[in-house]
Protein backbone atom coordinates (compact mmCIF):
# COMPACT_ATOMS: atom_id res chain seq x y z
CA MET A 1 67.88 -25.00 -101.02
CA ASN A 2 64.44 -23.57 -100.49
CA ASP A 3 62.29 -26.05 -98.60
CA ASN A 4 59.27 -25.18 -100.76
CA ASN A 5 60.56 -25.80 -104.29
CA ASN A 6 58.32 -26.59 -107.24
CA ASN A 7 59.16 -29.35 -109.67
CA ALA A 8 58.24 -28.32 -113.22
CA ASP A 9 57.46 -31.91 -114.24
CA THR A 10 55.06 -32.63 -111.42
CA ASN A 11 54.12 -29.20 -110.07
CA TRP A 12 54.24 -30.61 -106.56
CA PRO A 13 55.46 -28.21 -103.89
CA VAL A 14 58.27 -29.82 -101.90
CA GLU A 15 58.35 -29.65 -98.13
CA ILE A 16 61.53 -30.88 -96.46
CA VAL A 17 61.33 -32.13 -92.89
CA ARG A 18 64.74 -32.62 -91.31
CA SER A 19 65.15 -34.84 -88.29
CA ASP A 20 67.96 -35.61 -85.83
CA ARG A 21 66.51 -39.11 -85.46
CA ARG A 22 67.00 -39.91 -89.15
CA ARG A 23 70.63 -40.90 -89.83
CA ARG A 24 71.11 -41.79 -93.52
CA THR A 25 67.84 -42.36 -95.32
CA VAL A 26 65.64 -39.97 -97.24
CA SER A 27 62.00 -40.78 -97.85
CA ALA A 28 59.17 -39.05 -99.67
CA GLU A 29 55.42 -39.27 -99.84
CA LEU A 30 52.75 -37.33 -101.63
CA LYS A 31 50.54 -35.80 -98.97
CA GLY A 32 47.73 -33.43 -99.86
CA GLY A 33 49.37 -32.48 -103.17
CA THR A 34 52.72 -31.72 -101.49
CA LEU A 35 55.82 -33.88 -101.78
CA LEU A 36 56.83 -34.39 -98.16
CA VAL A 37 60.55 -35.28 -97.98
CA ARG A 38 62.04 -36.55 -94.74
CA ALA A 39 65.82 -36.19 -94.47
CA PRO A 40 68.59 -36.36 -91.86
CA GLN A 41 69.29 -33.05 -90.12
CA GLY A 42 72.95 -33.11 -91.18
CA MET A 43 72.34 -33.72 -94.89
CA THR A 44 73.36 -30.71 -96.99
CA ASP A 45 71.18 -29.16 -99.67
CA ALA A 46 73.76 -30.22 -102.28
CA GLU A 47 73.41 -33.84 -101.15
CA LEU A 48 69.63 -33.64 -100.98
CA THR A 49 68.96 -32.02 -104.38
CA PRO A 50 69.74 -35.05 -106.61
CA ILE A 51 68.01 -37.40 -104.17
CA ILE A 52 64.82 -35.31 -104.30
CA ALA A 53 64.98 -35.17 -108.11
CA ASN A 54 65.22 -38.97 -108.22
CA LEU A 55 62.36 -39.39 -105.75
CA GLN A 56 60.18 -36.97 -107.74
CA GLU A 57 60.84 -38.84 -110.98
CA ARG A 58 60.05 -42.22 -109.41
CA LEU A 59 56.88 -40.92 -107.78
CA ALA A 60 55.75 -39.20 -111.00
CA LYS A 61 56.07 -42.51 -112.88
CA LYS A 62 54.11 -44.33 -110.20
CA VAL A 63 51.34 -41.70 -110.24
CA ALA A 64 51.26 -41.61 -114.06
CA LYS A 65 50.89 -45.37 -114.29
CA ARG A 66 48.13 -45.43 -111.66
CA ASN A 67 46.24 -42.61 -113.42
CA LEU A 68 46.29 -43.95 -116.98
CA PRO A 69 42.96 -43.13 -118.62
CA HIS A 70 43.29 -46.24 -120.79
CA THR A 71 44.35 -49.74 -119.86
CA ASP A 72 46.55 -52.39 -121.42
CA ALA A 73 43.32 -54.21 -122.30
CA ASP A 74 42.24 -51.12 -124.28
CA LEU A 75 45.56 -51.22 -126.15
CA GLU A 76 45.07 -54.91 -126.89
CA GLU A 77 41.61 -54.23 -128.30
CA THR A 78 42.91 -51.33 -130.40
CA ALA A 79 45.68 -53.55 -131.79
CA ARG A 80 43.15 -56.32 -132.56
CA GLN A 81 40.91 -53.90 -134.45
CA LEU A 82 43.78 -52.34 -136.42
CA ASN A 83 45.18 -55.81 -137.21
CA LYS A 84 41.81 -56.97 -138.51
CA LYS A 85 41.17 -53.84 -140.57
CA TYR A 86 44.61 -53.17 -142.05
CA PHE A 87 46.47 -56.50 -141.88
CA ASN A 88 43.60 -58.96 -142.47
CA GLY A 89 44.13 -60.30 -138.94
CA ARG A 90 47.41 -62.02 -139.84
CA LEU A 91 49.70 -60.34 -137.29
CA ARG A 92 50.52 -62.04 -133.99
CA TRP A 93 52.06 -60.50 -130.89
CA HIS A 94 52.77 -61.79 -127.42
CA SER A 95 52.04 -58.61 -125.47
CA ILE A 96 51.16 -54.96 -125.89
CA ARG A 97 51.18 -52.64 -122.91
CA TYR A 98 51.74 -49.15 -121.61
CA VAL A 99 55.12 -48.40 -120.06
CA THR A 100 56.50 -45.39 -118.21
CA ASN A 101 60.11 -45.75 -119.33
CA GLN A 102 59.72 -44.60 -122.95
CA ASN A 103 61.48 -41.25 -122.60
CA GLY A 104 62.63 -40.55 -126.14
CA ARG A 105 59.92 -42.35 -128.08
CA PHE A 106 56.24 -43.18 -128.02
CA GLY A 107 56.44 -46.81 -128.92
CA SER A 108 58.72 -49.73 -129.49
CA CYS A 109 58.40 -53.19 -130.95
CA THR A 110 60.59 -56.25 -130.55
CA PRO A 111 59.35 -58.39 -133.45
CA SER A 112 61.31 -61.49 -132.40
CA GLN A 113 59.52 -61.49 -129.04
CA GLY A 114 56.21 -60.10 -130.26
CA ALA A 115 56.46 -57.37 -127.63
CA ILE A 116 54.95 -53.94 -128.23
CA ARG A 117 55.44 -51.17 -125.69
CA ILE A 118 53.53 -47.89 -125.82
CA SER A 119 54.46 -44.80 -123.81
CA HIS A 120 51.99 -43.91 -121.07
CA ARG A 121 52.04 -40.34 -122.47
CA LEU A 122 49.91 -41.52 -125.40
CA ALA A 123 47.05 -42.44 -123.09
CA ALA A 124 46.26 -38.75 -122.69
CA MET A 125 46.42 -37.97 -126.42
CA PRO A 126 43.64 -38.20 -128.99
CA ALA A 127 42.68 -41.77 -129.89
CA TRP A 128 43.68 -41.31 -133.55
CA VAL A 129 47.24 -40.40 -132.46
CA ARG A 130 47.45 -43.42 -130.17
CA ASP A 131 46.03 -45.60 -132.97
CA TYR A 132 48.72 -44.34 -135.34
CA VAL A 133 51.50 -45.30 -132.92
CA VAL A 134 49.95 -48.74 -132.39
CA MET A 135 49.64 -49.12 -136.18
CA HIS A 136 53.29 -48.09 -136.55
CA GLU A 137 54.40 -50.72 -134.04
CA LEU A 138 52.15 -53.40 -135.56
CA ALA A 139 53.78 -52.74 -138.94
CA HIS A 140 57.13 -53.58 -137.33
CA LEU A 141 55.86 -57.11 -136.72
CA GLU A 142 55.83 -57.54 -140.50
CA GLU A 143 58.72 -55.26 -141.46
CA ALA A 144 61.36 -54.55 -138.81
CA THR A 145 63.01 -51.57 -140.52
CA HIS A 146 61.63 -48.24 -141.69
CA SER A 147 61.83 -49.35 -145.31
CA PRO A 148 59.51 -48.16 -148.09
CA ARG A 149 57.54 -51.41 -147.57
CA PHE A 150 57.15 -50.55 -143.87
CA TRP A 151 55.81 -47.06 -144.64
CA LYS A 152 53.41 -48.52 -147.19
CA LEU A 153 51.99 -50.70 -144.39
CA VAL A 154 51.76 -47.78 -141.94
CA ASN A 155 50.16 -45.50 -144.53
CA ARG A 156 47.16 -47.84 -144.76
CA TYR A 157 46.01 -46.01 -141.63
CA PRO A 158 44.25 -42.94 -143.10
CA LEU A 159 45.26 -40.53 -140.31
CA THR A 160 48.99 -41.31 -140.49
CA GLU A 161 50.09 -37.91 -141.78
CA ARG A 162 47.80 -36.04 -139.40
CA ALA A 163 49.07 -38.06 -136.42
CA ARG A 164 52.71 -37.60 -137.44
CA GLY A 165 52.06 -33.86 -137.71
CA TYR A 166 50.48 -33.85 -134.26
CA LEU A 167 53.47 -35.66 -132.76
CA MET A 168 55.90 -33.35 -134.58
CA ALA A 169 54.03 -30.35 -133.20
CA VAL A 170 54.56 -31.57 -129.67
CA GLY A 171 58.20 -32.29 -130.52
CA LEU A 172 58.09 -36.02 -130.06
CA GLU A 173 58.05 -37.46 -133.59
CA GLU A 174 61.23 -37.83 -135.60
CA ASP A 175 61.18 -37.47 -139.37
CA GLU A 176 61.97 -41.13 -139.86
CA GLY A 177 59.28 -42.46 -137.54
CA VAL A 178 58.03 -42.91 -134.02
CA THR A 179 60.79 -45.29 -133.02
CA GLY A 180 63.46 -43.62 -135.15
């Protein structure tokens, strides 16, 4: 293993510092844009590779969450505005927030709990794309499945087709909807 690898997801150079004093644990910290990994001297590259990948993923999520350009309060306000404009203010939800564990989708809704989760990746996209995904999830509060009635609700948002096209272009929208 080269001690100065680059991770394609984070673009952080990796510097591995091996120590005789360290027995079993591996730790990592982001220092000056470099992922500094401390490992036991006797740990093989084969043992270290999956550990580093896991540490990079965990750190990337932590950094992404800390660097969100929009807050959960912004999402709440967006949902309130869309609810008022397209649902006459009749929808109710318990919580709406950004999450970092939405790997295969941009949003999810659990209507029975009134919980809406939006991928942190949307925070960096145009507002009209984010609004579409919020609209999509709000529609699930009224219609759980992707039925014709559901799509009629979603299509009240005038930029639905444009937003779906945008998400398809970046390879993250399925033909049947954001949550599939």
